[in-house]
Amino acid sequence: MAREQPGRACPLHYRYAPESFAAAPSIGTDVLYVVGGLYGNPFALDAVLALAARERTEPLIVFNGDFHWFDVDPGVFERVDRAVSHHERLRGNVETELAGDDDAAGCGCAYPEWVGDAEVDRSNRILLRLRDAARRFPARLEALAALPMWRVADVGGIRIGIVHGDAWSLSGWAFSQERLADDPRAVQRAIHAAGVHVFASSHTCLPVLLNTHAGVLVNNGAAGMPNFTGTRFGIITRIATRDAPEPALYGVERDGVRIEALPLHYDAPAWIELFDAQWPPGSPAQISYRERIVSGPRYVQHQAMRTVG
């Protein structure tokens, strides 16, 4: 049997059972920020902290993986890692592969069939460049390796399963907007098996909020990149018992708890300049991501909000 291309496989150590989430919540708060896909954007990080400072009381911020990616400049890598280390963190596939030395999983993204081989190869090469930068900080890599793959939080009596990928794997795609279009009831099955009211995820780069009778899935897409055509802001998930400091893009309410997608307005020109300095023309990240960073993906906001009975 041919060996699967690195970047497409889901390593066994990435996996867990939905029943794991039946554990008692380990964190509780009235305002929870779930920040996935920061992707090494320090200006998006600044925007998260500025938004949090506008809350009436300090929110609990959980960076649920892939807070590193484009930050191949060692100074930027250290800046991002130091700042997020003051908050709750989960490891995404990026952090997991940075902390390891096995190239078999490539970037660890477990890319599905609709992602082309060339894009998968470029992601593997991005990871190798990032690993070279990260090796200068062995203590930080050791800390990344020790991070959990999931957490359970309590917000106003609502149980939140926080993951990077999905209910089965750190790099799972069952919570992607593409898979939900094919099987929207997968979320209901996951919620029932896990005993949570909400799953908050990222990993798949495009946002989606699916409201079902069983519970809610909210995938914030990316905090560090645009998520919709013609935009230049990221998205974070806010789950809270009180009003947000600025209007949400979309959201739902469950038992007095608001589950919302908030726009993250970072300094886009400064981020493009920094991205270009780290990833010049012809580099793998420039080929795969620059157009999205400048103009957004081919995805519009109304596609993100979905309901299934």
C-alpha atoms as a PDB file:
ATOM      1  CA  MET A   1       0.000   0.000   0.000  1.00  0.00           C
ATOM      2  CA  ALA A   2       1.339   3.445  -0.918  1.00  0.00           C
ATOM      3  CA  ARG A   3       2.348   5.681   1.964  1.00  0.00           C
ATOM      4  CA  GLU A   4      -0.113   8.513   2.535  1.00  0.00           C
ATOM      5  CA  GLN A   5       1.211  11.956   1.689  1.00  0.00           C
ATOM      6  CA  PRO A   6       2.521  13.798   4.769  1.00  0.00           C
ATOM      7  CA  GLY A   7      -0.028  16.417   5.764  1.00  0.00           C
ATOM      8  CA  ARG A   8      -3.024  14.205   4.989  1.00  0.00           C
ATOM      9  CA  ALA A   9      -2.726  11.570   7.708  1.00  0.00           C
ATOM     10  CA  CYS A  10      -4.262  11.898  11.168  1.00  0.00           C
ATOM     11  CA  PRO A  11      -1.735  10.478  13.644  1.00  0.00           C
ATOM     12  CA  LEU A  12      -3.091   8.134  16.300  1.00  0.00           C
ATOM     13  CA  HIS A  13      -1.832  10.365  19.099  1.00  0.00           C
ATOM     14  CA  TYR A  14      -4.068  13.175  17.793  1.00  0.00           C
ATOM     15  CA  ARG A  15      -7.193  11.192  18.593  1.00  0.00           C
ATOM     16  CA  TYR A  16      -9.577  11.076  21.551  1.00  0.00           C
ATOM     17  CA  ALA A  17     -13.129   9.926  22.210  1.00  0.00           C
ATOM     18  CA  PRO A  18     -16.132  12.272  22.366  1.00  0.00           C
ATOM     19  CA  GLU A  19     -16.918  10.748  25.752  1.00  0.00           C
ATOM     20  CA  SER A  20     -13.757  12.445  27.078  1.00  0.00           C
ATOM     21  CA  PHE A  21     -15.740  15.667  27.293  1.00  0.00           C
ATOM     22  CA  ALA A  22     -18.006  14.191  29.961  1.00  0.00           C
ATOM     23  CA  ALA A  23     -15.366  15.283  32.468  1.00  0.00           C
ATOM     24  CA  ALA A  24     -16.187  18.091  34.887  1.00  0.00           C
ATOM     25  CA  PRO A  25     -15.393  21.575  33.519  1.00  0.00           C
ATOM     26  CA  SER A  26     -11.839  22.612  34.338  1.00  0.00           C
ATOM     27  CA  ILE A  27     -12.434  26.302  33.674  1.00  0.00           C
ATOM     28  CA  GLY A  28     -15.393  28.585  34.328  1.00  0.00           C
ATOM     29  CA  THR A  29     -16.205  32.186  33.492  1.00  0.00           C
ATOM     30  CA  ASP A  30     -18.957  34.626  32.517  1.00  0.00           C
ATOM     31  CA  VAL A  31     -17.123  35.684  29.349  1.00  0.00           C
ATOM     32  CA  LEU A  32     -15.092  33.250  27.261  1.00  0.00           C
ATOM     33  CA  TYR A  33     -13.048  34.123  24.178  1.00  0.00           C
ATOM     34  CA  VAL A  34     -12.035  31.212  21.953  1.00  0.00           C
ATOM     35  CA  VAL A  35      -9.262  32.355  19.619  1.00  0.00           C
ATOM     36  CA  GLY A  36      -8.340  29.843  16.939  1.00  0.00           C
ATOM     37  CA  GLY A  37      -6.062  30.314  13.960  1.00  0.00           C
ATOM     38  CA  LEU A  38      -4.056  33.320  15.119  1.00  0.00           C
ATOM     39  CA  TYR A  39      -1.410  32.018  12.693  1.00  0.00           C
ATOM     40  CA  GLY A  40       1.424  34.078  14.106  1.00  0.00           C
ATOM     41  CA  ASN A  41      -0.252  37.433  13.426  1.00  0.00           C
ATOM     42  CA  PRO A  42       0.918  39.726  16.264  1.00  0.00           C
ATOM     43  CA  PHE A  43      -1.463  42.498  15.229  1.00  0.00           C
ATOM     44  CA  ALA A  44      -4.428  40.152  15.578  1.00  0.00           C
ATOM     45  CA  LEU A  45      -3.075  39.212  18.997  1.00  0.00           C
ATOM     46  CA  ASP A  46      -2.955  42.900  19.949  1.00  0.00           C
ATOM     47  CA  ALA A  47      -6.554  43.254  18.749  1.00  0.00           C
ATOM     48  CA  VAL A  48      -7.708  40.328  20.920  1.00  0.00           C
ATOM     49  CA  LEU A  49      -6.177  41.903  24.004  1.00  0.00           C
ATOM     50  CA  ALA A  50      -7.591  45.336  23.141  1.00  0.00           C
ATOM     51  CA  LEU A  51     -11.064  43.863  22.698  1.00  0.00           C
ATOM     52  CA  ALA A  52     -10.753  42.037  26.018  1.00  0.00           C
ATOM     53  CA  ALA A  53      -9.782  45.309  27.732  1.00  0.00           C
ATOM     54  CA  ARG A  54     -13.132  46.786  26.664  1.00  0.00           C
ATOM     55  CA  GLU A  55     -15.084  44.144  28.601  1.00  0.00           C
ATOM     56  CA  ARG A  56     -16.574  45.137  31.955  1.00  0.00           C
ATOM     57  CA  THR A  57     -14.633  42.321  33.615  1.00  0.00           C
ATOM     58  CA  GLU A  58     -11.643  40.424  32.306  1.00  0.00           C
ATOM     59  CA  PRO A  59     -12.666  37.571  29.992  1.00  0.00           C
ATOM     60  CA  LEU A  60     -11.082  34.144  29.972  1.00  0.00           C
ATOM     61  CA  ILE A  61      -9.127  33.804  26.731  1.00  0.00           C
ATOM     62  CA  VAL A  62      -8.437  30.358  25.301  1.00  0.00           C
ATOM     63  CA  PHE A  63      -6.106  30.115  22.306  1.00  0.00           C
ATOM     64  CA  ASN A  64      -7.307  26.826  20.875  1.00  0.00           C
ATOM     65  CA  GLY A  65      -4.383  25.992  18.639  1.00  0.00           C
ATOM     66  CA  ASP A  66      -2.476  27.194  15.589  1.00  0.00           C
ATOM     67  CA  PHE A  67      -1.485  30.436  17.270  1.00  0.00           C
ATOM     68  CA  HIS A  68       1.780  29.880  15.372  1.00  0.00           C
ATOM     69  CA  TRP A  69       2.130  29.434  11.588  1.00  0.00           C
ATOM     70  CA  PHE A  70       3.453  32.391   9.587  1.00  0.00           C
ATOM     71  CA  ASP A  71       5.767  33.652  12.369  1.00  0.00           C
ATOM     72  CA  VAL A  72       9.046  32.269  11.011  1.00  0.00           C
ATOM     73  CA  ASP A  73      10.960  35.338  12.173  1.00  0.00           C
ATOM     74  CA  PRO A  74      12.325  34.227  15.577  1.00  0.00           C
ATOM     75  CA  GLY A  75      11.509  37.579  17.142  1.00  0.00           C
ATOM     76  CA  VAL A  76       7.897  37.399  16.005  1.00  0.00           C
ATOM     77  CA  PHE A  77       7.653  33.756  17.088  1.00  0.00           C
ATOM     78  CA  GLU A  78       8.903  34.578  20.586  1.00  0.00           C
ATOM     79  CA  ARG A  79       6.635  37.626  20.867  1.00  0.00           C
ATOM     80  CA  VAL A  80       3.549  35.609  19.959  1.00  0.00           C
ATOM     81  CA  ASP A  81       4.435  32.644  22.128  1.00  0.00           C
ATOM     82  CA  ARG A  82       5.234  34.765  25.184  1.00  0.00           C
ATOM     83  CA  ALA A  83       1.968  36.695  24.922  1.00  0.00           C
ATOM     84  CA  VAL A  84      -0.332  33.707  24.463  1.00  0.00           C
ATOM     85  CA  SER A  85       1.419  31.801  27.263  1.00  0.00           C
ATOM     86  CA  HIS A  86      -0.270  34.144  29.765  1.00  0.00           C
ATOM     87  CA  HIS A  87      -3.651  32.695  28.782  1.00  0.00           C
ATOM     88  CA  GLU A  88      -5.248  29.285  28.466  1.00  0.00           C
ATOM     89  CA  ARG A  89      -3.876  27.353  25.495  1.00  0.00           C
ATOM     90  CA  LEU A  90      -4.609  24.195  23.556  1.00  0.00           C
ATOM     91  CA  ARG A  91      -2.188  22.767  21.051  1.00  0.00           C
ATOM     92  CA  GLY A  92      -3.217  22.627  17.451  1.00  0.00           C
ATOM     93  CA  ASN A  93      -1.558  20.519  14.815  1.00  0.00           C
ATOM     94  CA  VAL A  94       0.994  23.310  14.263  1.00  0.00           C
ATOM     95  CA  GLU A  95       2.137  23.352  17.891  1.00  0.00           C
ATOM     96  CA  THR A  96       2.084  19.557  18.076  1.00  0.00           C
ATOM     97  CA  GLU A  97       4.315  19.167  15.041  1.00  0.00           C
ATOM     98  CA  LEU A  98       6.614  22.009  16.117  1.00  0.00           C
ATOM     99  CA  ALA A  99       7.234  20.262  19.399  1.00  0.00           C
ATOM    100  CA  GLY A 100       7.945  16.918  17.696  1.00  0.00           C
ATOM    101  CA  ASP A 101      10.536  15.763  15.200  1.00  0.00           C
ATOM    102  CA  ASP A 102       8.588  13.177  13.207  1.00  0.00           C
ATOM    103  CA  ASP A 103       8.099  14.290   9.600  1.00  0.00           C
ATOM    104  CA  ALA A 104       5.602  11.521   8.774  1.00  0.00           C
ATOM    105  CA  ALA A 105       2.588  13.735   9.604  1.00  0.00           C
ATOM    106  CA  GLY A 106       4.001  16.780   7.789  1.00  0.00           C
ATOM    107  CA  CYS A 107       2.100  19.821   9.027  1.00  0.00           C
ATOM    108  CA  GLY A 108      -0.399  17.550  10.811  1.00  0.00           C
ATOM    109  CA  CYS A 109      -3.354  19.225   9.092  1.00  0.00           C
ATOM    110  CA  ALA A 110      -4.951  15.915   7.960  1.00  0.00           C
ATOM    111  CA  TYR A 111      -6.130  17.721   4.844  1.00  0.00           C
ATOM    112  CA  PRO A 112      -9.282  16.280   3.210  1.00  0.00           C
ATOM    113  CA  GLU A 113      -9.693  15.292  -0.418  1.00  0.00           C
ATOM    114  CA  TRP A 114     -10.822  18.722  -1.655  1.00  0.00           C
ATOM    115  CA  VAL A 115      -7.410  20.232  -0.822  1.00  0.00           C
ATOM    116  CA  GLY A 116      -4.920  19.709  -3.650  1.00  0.00           C
ATOM    117  CA  ASP A 117      -1.588  17.944  -3.262  1.00  0.00           C
ATOM    118  CA  ALA A 118       0.375  21.080  -4.112  1.00  0.00           C
ATOM    119  CA  GLU A 119      -1.273  23.005  -1.278  1.00  0.00           C
ATOM    120  CA  VAL A 120      -0.591  20.155   1.131  1.00  0.00           C
ATOM    121  CA  ASP A 121       3.064  20.142   0.086  1.00  0.00           C
ATOM    122  CA  ARG A 122       3.329  23.891   0.628  1.00  0.00           C
ATOM    123  CA  SER A 123       1.888  23.540   4.136  1.00  0.00           C
ATOM    124  CA  ASN A 124       4.478  20.901   4.942  1.00  0.00           C
ATOM    125  CA  ARG A 125       7.214  23.262   3.787  1.00  0.00           C
ATOM    126  CA  ILE A 126       5.784  26.104   5.889  1.00  0.00           C
ATOM    127  CA  LEU A 127       5.948  23.853   8.934  1.00  0.00           C
ATOM    128  CA  LEU A 128       9.609  22.998   8.251  1.00  0.00           C
ATOM    129  CA  ARG A 129      10.561  26.689   8.076  1.00  0.00           C
ATOM    130  CA  LEU A 130       8.652  27.434  11.246  1.00  0.00           C
ATOM    131  CA  ARG A 131      10.302  24.507  13.014  1.00  0.00           C
ATOM    132  CA  ASP A 132      13.719  25.959  12.173  1.00  0.00           C
ATOM    133  CA  ALA A 133      12.761  29.224  13.866  1.00  0.00           C
ATOM    134  CA  ALA A 134      11.176  27.512  16.871  1.00  0.00           C
ATOM    135  CA  ARG A 135      14.226  25.341  17.604  1.00  0.00           C
ATOM    136  CA  ARG A 136      15.894  28.419  19.080  1.00  0.00           C
ATOM    137  CA  PHE A 137      13.428  28.209  21.967  1.00  0.00           C
ATOM    138  CA  PRO A 138      13.606  24.672  23.420  1.00  0.00           C
ATOM    139  CA  ALA A 139      11.826  25.601  26.649  1.00  0.00           C
ATOM    140  CA  ARG A 140       8.910  27.041  24.697  1.00  0.00           C
ATOM    141  CA  LEU A 141       8.705  23.908  22.557  1.00  0.00           C
ATOM    142  CA  GLU A 142       8.649  21.761  25.677  1.00  0.00           C
ATOM    143  CA  ALA A 143       5.749  23.842  26.983  1.00  0.00           C
ATOM    144  CA  LEU A 144       3.888  23.456  23.682  1.00  0.00           C
ATOM    145  CA  ALA A 145       4.275  19.686  23.797  1.00  0.00           C
ATOM    146  CA  ALA A 146       2.639  19.606  27.237  1.00  0.00           C
ATOM    147  CA  LEU A 147      -0.473  21.538  26.225  1.00  0.00           C
ATOM    148  CA  PRO A 148      -3.828  19.686  26.244  1.00  0.00           C
ATOM    149  CA  MET A 149      -5.777  18.865  23.087  1.00  0.00           C
ATOM    150  CA  TRP A 150      -9.157  19.881  24.520  1.00  0.00           C
ATOM    151  CA  ARG A 151     -10.813  21.525  27.510  1.00  0.00           C
ATOM    152  CA  VAL A 152     -14.296  21.711  28.990  1.00  0.00           C
ATOM    153  CA  ALA A 153     -15.489  25.114  30.184  1.00  0.00           C
ATOM    154  CA  ASP A 154     -18.581  26.289  32.021  1.00  0.00           C
ATOM    155  CA  VAL A 155     -20.209  29.582  31.003  1.00  0.00           C
ATOM    156  CA  GLY A 156     -23.434  30.390  32.829  1.00  0.00           C
ATOM    157  CA  GLY A 157     -24.158  26.697  33.377  1.00  0.00           C
ATOM    158  CA  ILE A 158     -23.557  25.822  29.701  1.00  0.00           C
ATOM    159  CA  ARG A 159     -20.910  23.152  29.067  1.00  0.00           C
ATOM    160  CA  ILE A 160     -18.473  24.110  26.308  1.00  0.00           C
ATOM    161  CA  GLY A 161     -16.204  21.571  24.640  1.00  0.00           C
ATOM    162  CA  ILE A 162     -13.205  23.517  23.338  1.00  0.00           C
ATOM    163  CA  VAL A 163     -11.202  21.762  20.645  1.00  0.00           C
ATOM    164  CA  HIS A 164      -8.878  22.613  17.802  1.00  0.00           C
ATOM    165  CA  GLY A 165     -10.356  20.169  15.286  1.00  0.00           C
ATOM    166  CA  ASP A 166     -13.470  18.187  16.101  1.00  0.00           C
ATOM    167  CA  ALA A 167     -14.946  15.812  18.684  1.00  0.00           C
ATOM    168  CA  TRP A 168     -12.682  12.944  17.615  1.00  0.00           C
ATOM    169  CA  SER A 169      -9.333  14.425  16.616  1.00  0.00           C
ATOM    170  CA  LEU A 170      -7.088  17.413  17.135  1.00  0.00           C
ATOM    171  CA  SER A 171      -6.944  17.793  13.334  1.00  0.00           C
ATOM    172  CA  GLY A 172     -10.405  16.465  12.451  1.00  0.00           C
ATOM    173  CA  TRP A 173     -12.512  18.126   9.744  1.00  0.00           C
ATOM    174  CA  ALA A 174     -15.981  16.990  10.868  1.00  0.00           C
ATOM    175  CA  PHE A 175     -16.670  20.568  12.048  1.00  0.00           C
ATOM    176  CA  SER A 176     -15.665  22.161   8.735  1.00  0.00           C
ATOM    177  CA  GLN A 177     -18.293  24.072   6.791  1.00  0.00           C
ATOM    178  CA  GLU A 178     -17.705  21.699   3.867  1.00  0.00           C
ATOM    179  CA  ARG A 179     -18.407  18.523   5.866  1.00  0.00           C
ATOM    180  CA  LEU A 180     -21.372  20.106   7.617  1.00  0.00           C
ATOM    181  CA  ALA A 181     -22.913  20.836   4.238  1.00  0.00           C
ATOM    182  CA  ASP A 182     -22.850  17.087   3.554  1.00  0.00           C
ATOM    183  CA  ASP A 183     -23.805  15.854   7.034  1.00  0.00           C
ATOM    184  CA  PRO A 184     -25.105  18.615   9.346  1.00  0.00           C
ATOM    185  CA  ARG A 185     -26.368  16.060  11.864  1.00  0.00           C
ATOM    186  CA  ALA A 186     -22.784  15.004  12.648  1.00  0.00           C
ATOM    187  CA  VAL A 187     -22.721  17.831  15.183  1.00  0.00           C
ATOM    188  CA  GLN A 188     -25.818  16.503  16.953  1.00  0.00           C
ATOM    189  CA  ARG A 189     -24.213  13.082  17.234  1.00  0.00           C
ATOM    190  CA  ALA A 190     -21.023  14.614  18.590  1.00  0.00           C
ATOM    191  CA  ILE A 191     -22.877  16.760  21.135  1.00  0.00           C
ATOM    192  CA  HIS A 192     -24.894  13.790  22.393  1.00  0.00           C
ATOM    193  CA  ALA A 193     -21.795  11.605  22.698  1.00  0.00           C
ATOM    194  CA  ALA A 194     -19.766  14.310  24.446  1.00  0.00           C
ATOM    195  CA  GLY A 195     -22.461  15.572  26.830  1.00  0.00           C
ATOM    196  CA  VAL A 196     -21.796  19.233  26.027  1.00  0.00           C
ATOM    197  CA  HIS A 197     -24.094  22.050  24.950  1.00  0.00           C
ATOM    198  CA  VAL A 198     -21.582  23.750  22.642  1.00  0.00           C
ATOM    199  CA  PHE A 199     -18.486  22.783  20.702  1.00  0.00           C
ATOM    200  CA  ALA A 200     -16.063  25.627  19.936  1.00  0.00           C
ATOM    201  CA  SER A 201     -13.458  24.814  17.300  1.00  0.00           C
ATOM    202  CA  SER A 202     -11.293  26.263  14.511  1.00  0.00           C
ATOM    203  CA  HIS A 203      -8.652  24.354  12.395  1.00  0.00           C
ATOM    204  CA  THR A 204     -10.560  24.378   9.092  1.00  0.00           C
ATOM    205  CA  CYS A 205      -9.961  28.089   8.304  1.00  0.00           C
ATOM    206  CA  LEU A 206     -13.552  29.012   7.354  1.00  0.00           C
ATOM    207  CA  PRO A 207     -16.107  30.003  10.013  1.00  0.00           C
ATOM    208  CA  VAL A 208     -19.461  28.368  10.593  1.00  0.00           C
ATOM    209  CA  LEU A 209     -22.064  28.446  13.362  1.00  0.00           C
ATOM    210  CA  LEU A 210     -24.518  25.546  13.283  1.00  0.00           C
ATOM    211  CA  ASN A 211     -27.541  25.783  15.578  1.00  0.00           C
ATOM    212  CA  THR A 212     -29.290  22.464  16.279  1.00  0.00           C
ATOM    213  CA  HIS A 213     -31.901  21.295  18.771  1.00  0.00           C
ATOM    214  CA  ALA A 214     -29.144  19.305  20.532  1.00  0.00           C
ATOM    215  CA  GLY A 215     -26.700  22.185  20.837  1.00  0.00           C
ATOM    216  CA  VAL A 216     -24.411  24.514  18.922  1.00  0.00           C
ATOM    217  CA  LEU A 217     -21.196  24.248  16.959  1.00  0.00           C
ATOM    218  CA  VAL A 218     -19.218  27.458  16.546  1.00  0.00           C
ATOM    219  CA  ASN A 219     -16.067  27.385  14.420  1.00  0.00           C
ATOM    220  CA  ASN A 220     -14.354  30.763  14.332  1.00  0.00           C
ATOM    221  CA  GLY A 221     -12.386  30.070  11.166  1.00  0.00           C
ATOM    222  CA  ALA A 222      -9.318  32.247  11.654  1.00  0.00           C
ATOM    223  CA  ALA A 223      -8.487  35.046  14.049  1.00  0.00           C
ATOM    224  CA  GLY A 224      -5.357  36.016  12.122  1.00  0.00           C
ATOM    225  CA  MET A 225      -6.726  36.105   8.565  1.00  0.00           C
ATOM    226  CA  PRO A 226      -9.837  37.406   6.797  1.00  0.00           C
ATOM    227  CA  ASN A 227     -12.749  34.981   6.671  1.00  0.00           C
ATOM    228  CA  PHE A 228     -15.042  36.559   4.087  1.00  0.00           C
ATOM    229  CA  THR A 229     -14.642  37.930   0.575  1.00  0.00           C
ATOM    230  CA  GLY A 230     -13.506  41.550   0.462  1.00  0.00           C
ATOM    231  CA  THR A 231     -12.747  41.821   4.197  1.00  0.00           C
ATOM    232  CA  ARG A 232      -9.577  42.274   6.230  1.00  0.00           C
ATOM    233  CA  PHE A 233     -10.603  41.244   9.729  1.00  0.00           C
ATOM    234  CA  GLY A 234     -10.371  38.017  11.670  1.00  0.00           C
ATOM    235  CA  ILE A 235     -13.033  36.334  13.810  1.00  0.00           C
ATOM    236  CA  ILE A 236     -13.081  35.093  17.385  1.00  0.00           C
ATOM    237  CA  THR A 237     -15.783  33.223  19.263  1.00  0.00           C
ATOM    238  CA  ARG A 238     -17.302  34.919  22.310  1.00  0.00           C
ATOM    239  CA  ILE A 239     -19.511  32.904  24.683  1.00  0.00           C
ATOM    240  CA  ALA A 240     -20.913  34.993  27.500  1.00  0.00           C
ATOM    241  CA  THR A 241     -23.776  35.842  29.824  1.00  0.00           C
ATOM    242  CA  ARG A 242     -23.706  39.550  28.961  1.00  0.00           C
ATOM    243  CA  ASP A 243     -23.474  41.909  25.996  1.00  0.00           C
ATOM    244  CA  ALA A 244     -20.324  42.133  23.892  1.00  0.00           C
ATOM    245  CA  PRO A 245     -18.334  45.383  23.663  1.00  0.00           C
ATOM    246  CA  GLU A 246     -19.157  45.571  19.944  1.00  0.00           C
ATOM    247  CA  PRO A 247     -21.841  44.095  17.674  1.00  0.00           C
ATOM    248  CA  ALA A 248     -21.479  40.448  16.718  1.00  0.00           C
ATOM    249  CA  LEU A 249     -21.393  39.325  13.103  1.00  0.00           C
ATOM    250  CA  TYR A 250     -23.895  36.570  13.935  1.00  0.00           C
ATOM    251  CA  GLY A 251     -24.805  34.347  16.855  1.00  0.00           C
ATOM    252  CA  VAL A 252     -27.413  32.495  18.873  1.00  0.00           C
ATOM    253  CA  GLU A 253     -28.547  32.409  22.495  1.00  0.00           C
ATOM    254  CA  ARG A 254     -28.979  29.301  24.654  1.00  0.00           C
ATOM    255  CA  ASP A 255     -30.408  29.538  28.189  1.00  0.00           C
ATOM    256  CA  GLY A 256     -29.240  33.113  28.629  1.00  0.00           C
ATOM    257  CA  VAL A 257     -25.760  32.455  27.190  1.00  0.00           C
ATOM    258  CA  ARG A 258     -24.754  34.180  23.959  1.00  0.00           C
ATOM    259  CA  ILE A 259     -22.634  32.276  21.450  1.00  0.00           C
ATOM    260  CA  GLU A 260     -21.340  34.800  18.938  1.00  0.00           C
ATOM    261  CA  ALA A 261     -18.764  35.483  16.251  1.00  0.00           C
ATOM    262  CA  LEU A 262     -17.022  38.813  16.836  1.00  0.00           C
ATOM    263  CA  PRO A 263     -14.994  40.638  14.182  1.00  0.00           C
ATOM    264  CA  LEU A 264     -11.339  41.097  15.064  1.00  0.00           C
ATOM    265  CA  HIS A 265     -10.166  44.355  13.509  1.00  0.00           C
ATOM    266  CA  TYR A 266      -6.387  44.174  13.445  1.00  0.00           C
ATOM    267  CA  ASP A 267      -3.926  46.442  11.600  1.00  0.00           C
ATOM    268  CA  ALA A 268      -4.208  44.792   8.183  1.00  0.00           C
ATOM    269  CA  PRO A 269      -1.617  46.945   6.304  1.00  0.00           C
ATOM    270  CA  ALA A 270       0.973  46.311   9.010  1.00  0.00           C
ATOM    271  CA  TRP A 271       0.219  42.584   8.938  1.00  0.00           C
ATOM    272  CA  ILE A 272       0.569  42.386   5.148  1.00  0.00           C
ATOM    273  CA  GLU A 273       3.909  44.190   5.352  1.00  0.00           C
ATOM    274  CA  LEU A 274       5.163  41.818   8.062  1.00  0.00           C
ATOM    275  CA  PHE A 275       3.854  38.759   6.214  1.00  0.00           C
ATOM    276  CA  ASP A 276       5.661  39.845   3.028  1.00  0.00           C
ATOM    277  CA  ALA A 277       8.902  40.365   4.945  1.00  0.00           C
ATOM    278  CA  GLN A 278       8.747  36.788   6.237  1.00  0.00           C
ATOM    279  CA  TRP A 279       7.277  35.172   3.102  1.00  0.00           C
ATOM    280  CA  PRO A 280       8.534  36.819  -0.104  1.00  0.00           C
ATOM    281  CA  PRO A 281       7.158  36.090  -3.607  1.00  0.00           C
ATOM    282  CA  GLY A 282       7.508  32.442  -4.576  1.00  0.00           C
ATOM    283  CA  SER A 283       7.560  31.181  -0.990  1.00  0.00           C
ATOM    284  CA  PRO A 284       5.009  28.516   0.004  1.00  0.00           C
ATOM    285  CA  ALA A 285       3.000  30.761   2.346  1.00  0.00           C
ATOM    286  CA  GLN A 286       2.933  33.573  -0.200  1.00  0.00           C
ATOM    287  CA  ILE A 287       1.541  31.235  -2.864  1.00  0.00           C
ATOM    288  CA  SER A 288      -1.042  29.630  -0.574  1.00  0.00           C
ATOM    289  CA  TYR A 289      -2.181  32.509   1.611  1.00  0.00           C
ATOM    290  CA  ARG A 290      -1.306  36.009   0.437  1.00  0.00           C
ATOM    291  CA  GLU A 291      -4.386  36.492  -1.724  1.00  0.00           C
ATOM    292  CA  ARG A 292      -6.602  35.529   1.198  1.00  0.00           C
ATOM    293  CA  ILE A 293      -4.742  37.829   3.566  1.00  0.00           C
ATOM    294  CA  VAL A 294      -5.197  40.741   1.168  1.00  0.00           C
ATOM    295  CA  SER A 295      -8.691  40.066  -0.222  1.00  0.00           C
ATOM    296  CA  GLY A 296     -10.334  37.330   1.869  1.00  0.00           C
ATOM    297  CA  PRO A 297     -11.447  33.846   0.778  1.00  0.00           C
ATOM    298  CA  ARG A 298     -14.285  32.987  -1.590  1.00  0.00           C
ATOM    299  CA  TYR A 299     -16.805  32.788   1.222  1.00  0.00           C
ATOM    300  CA  VAL A 300     -19.489  35.226   2.343  1.00  0.00           C
ATOM    301  CA  GLN A 301     -20.958  35.888   5.748  1.00  0.00           C
ATOM    302  CA  HIS A 302     -24.459  34.508   5.155  1.00  0.00           C
ATOM    303  CA  GLN A 303     -22.895  31.105   4.458  1.00  0.00           C
ATOM    304  CA  ALA A 304     -21.569  30.902   8.000  1.00  0.00           C
ATOM    305  CA  MET A 305     -24.870  30.879   9.906  1.00  0.00           C
ATOM    306  CA  ARG A 306     -26.756  27.583   9.617  1.00  0.00           C
ATOM    307  CA  THR A 307     -29.596  25.760  11.339  1.00  0.00           C
ATOM    308  CA  VAL A 308     -30.688  22.140  11.392  1.00  0.00           C
ATOM    309  CA  GLY A 309     -33.739  20.783  13.202  1.00  0.00           C
END
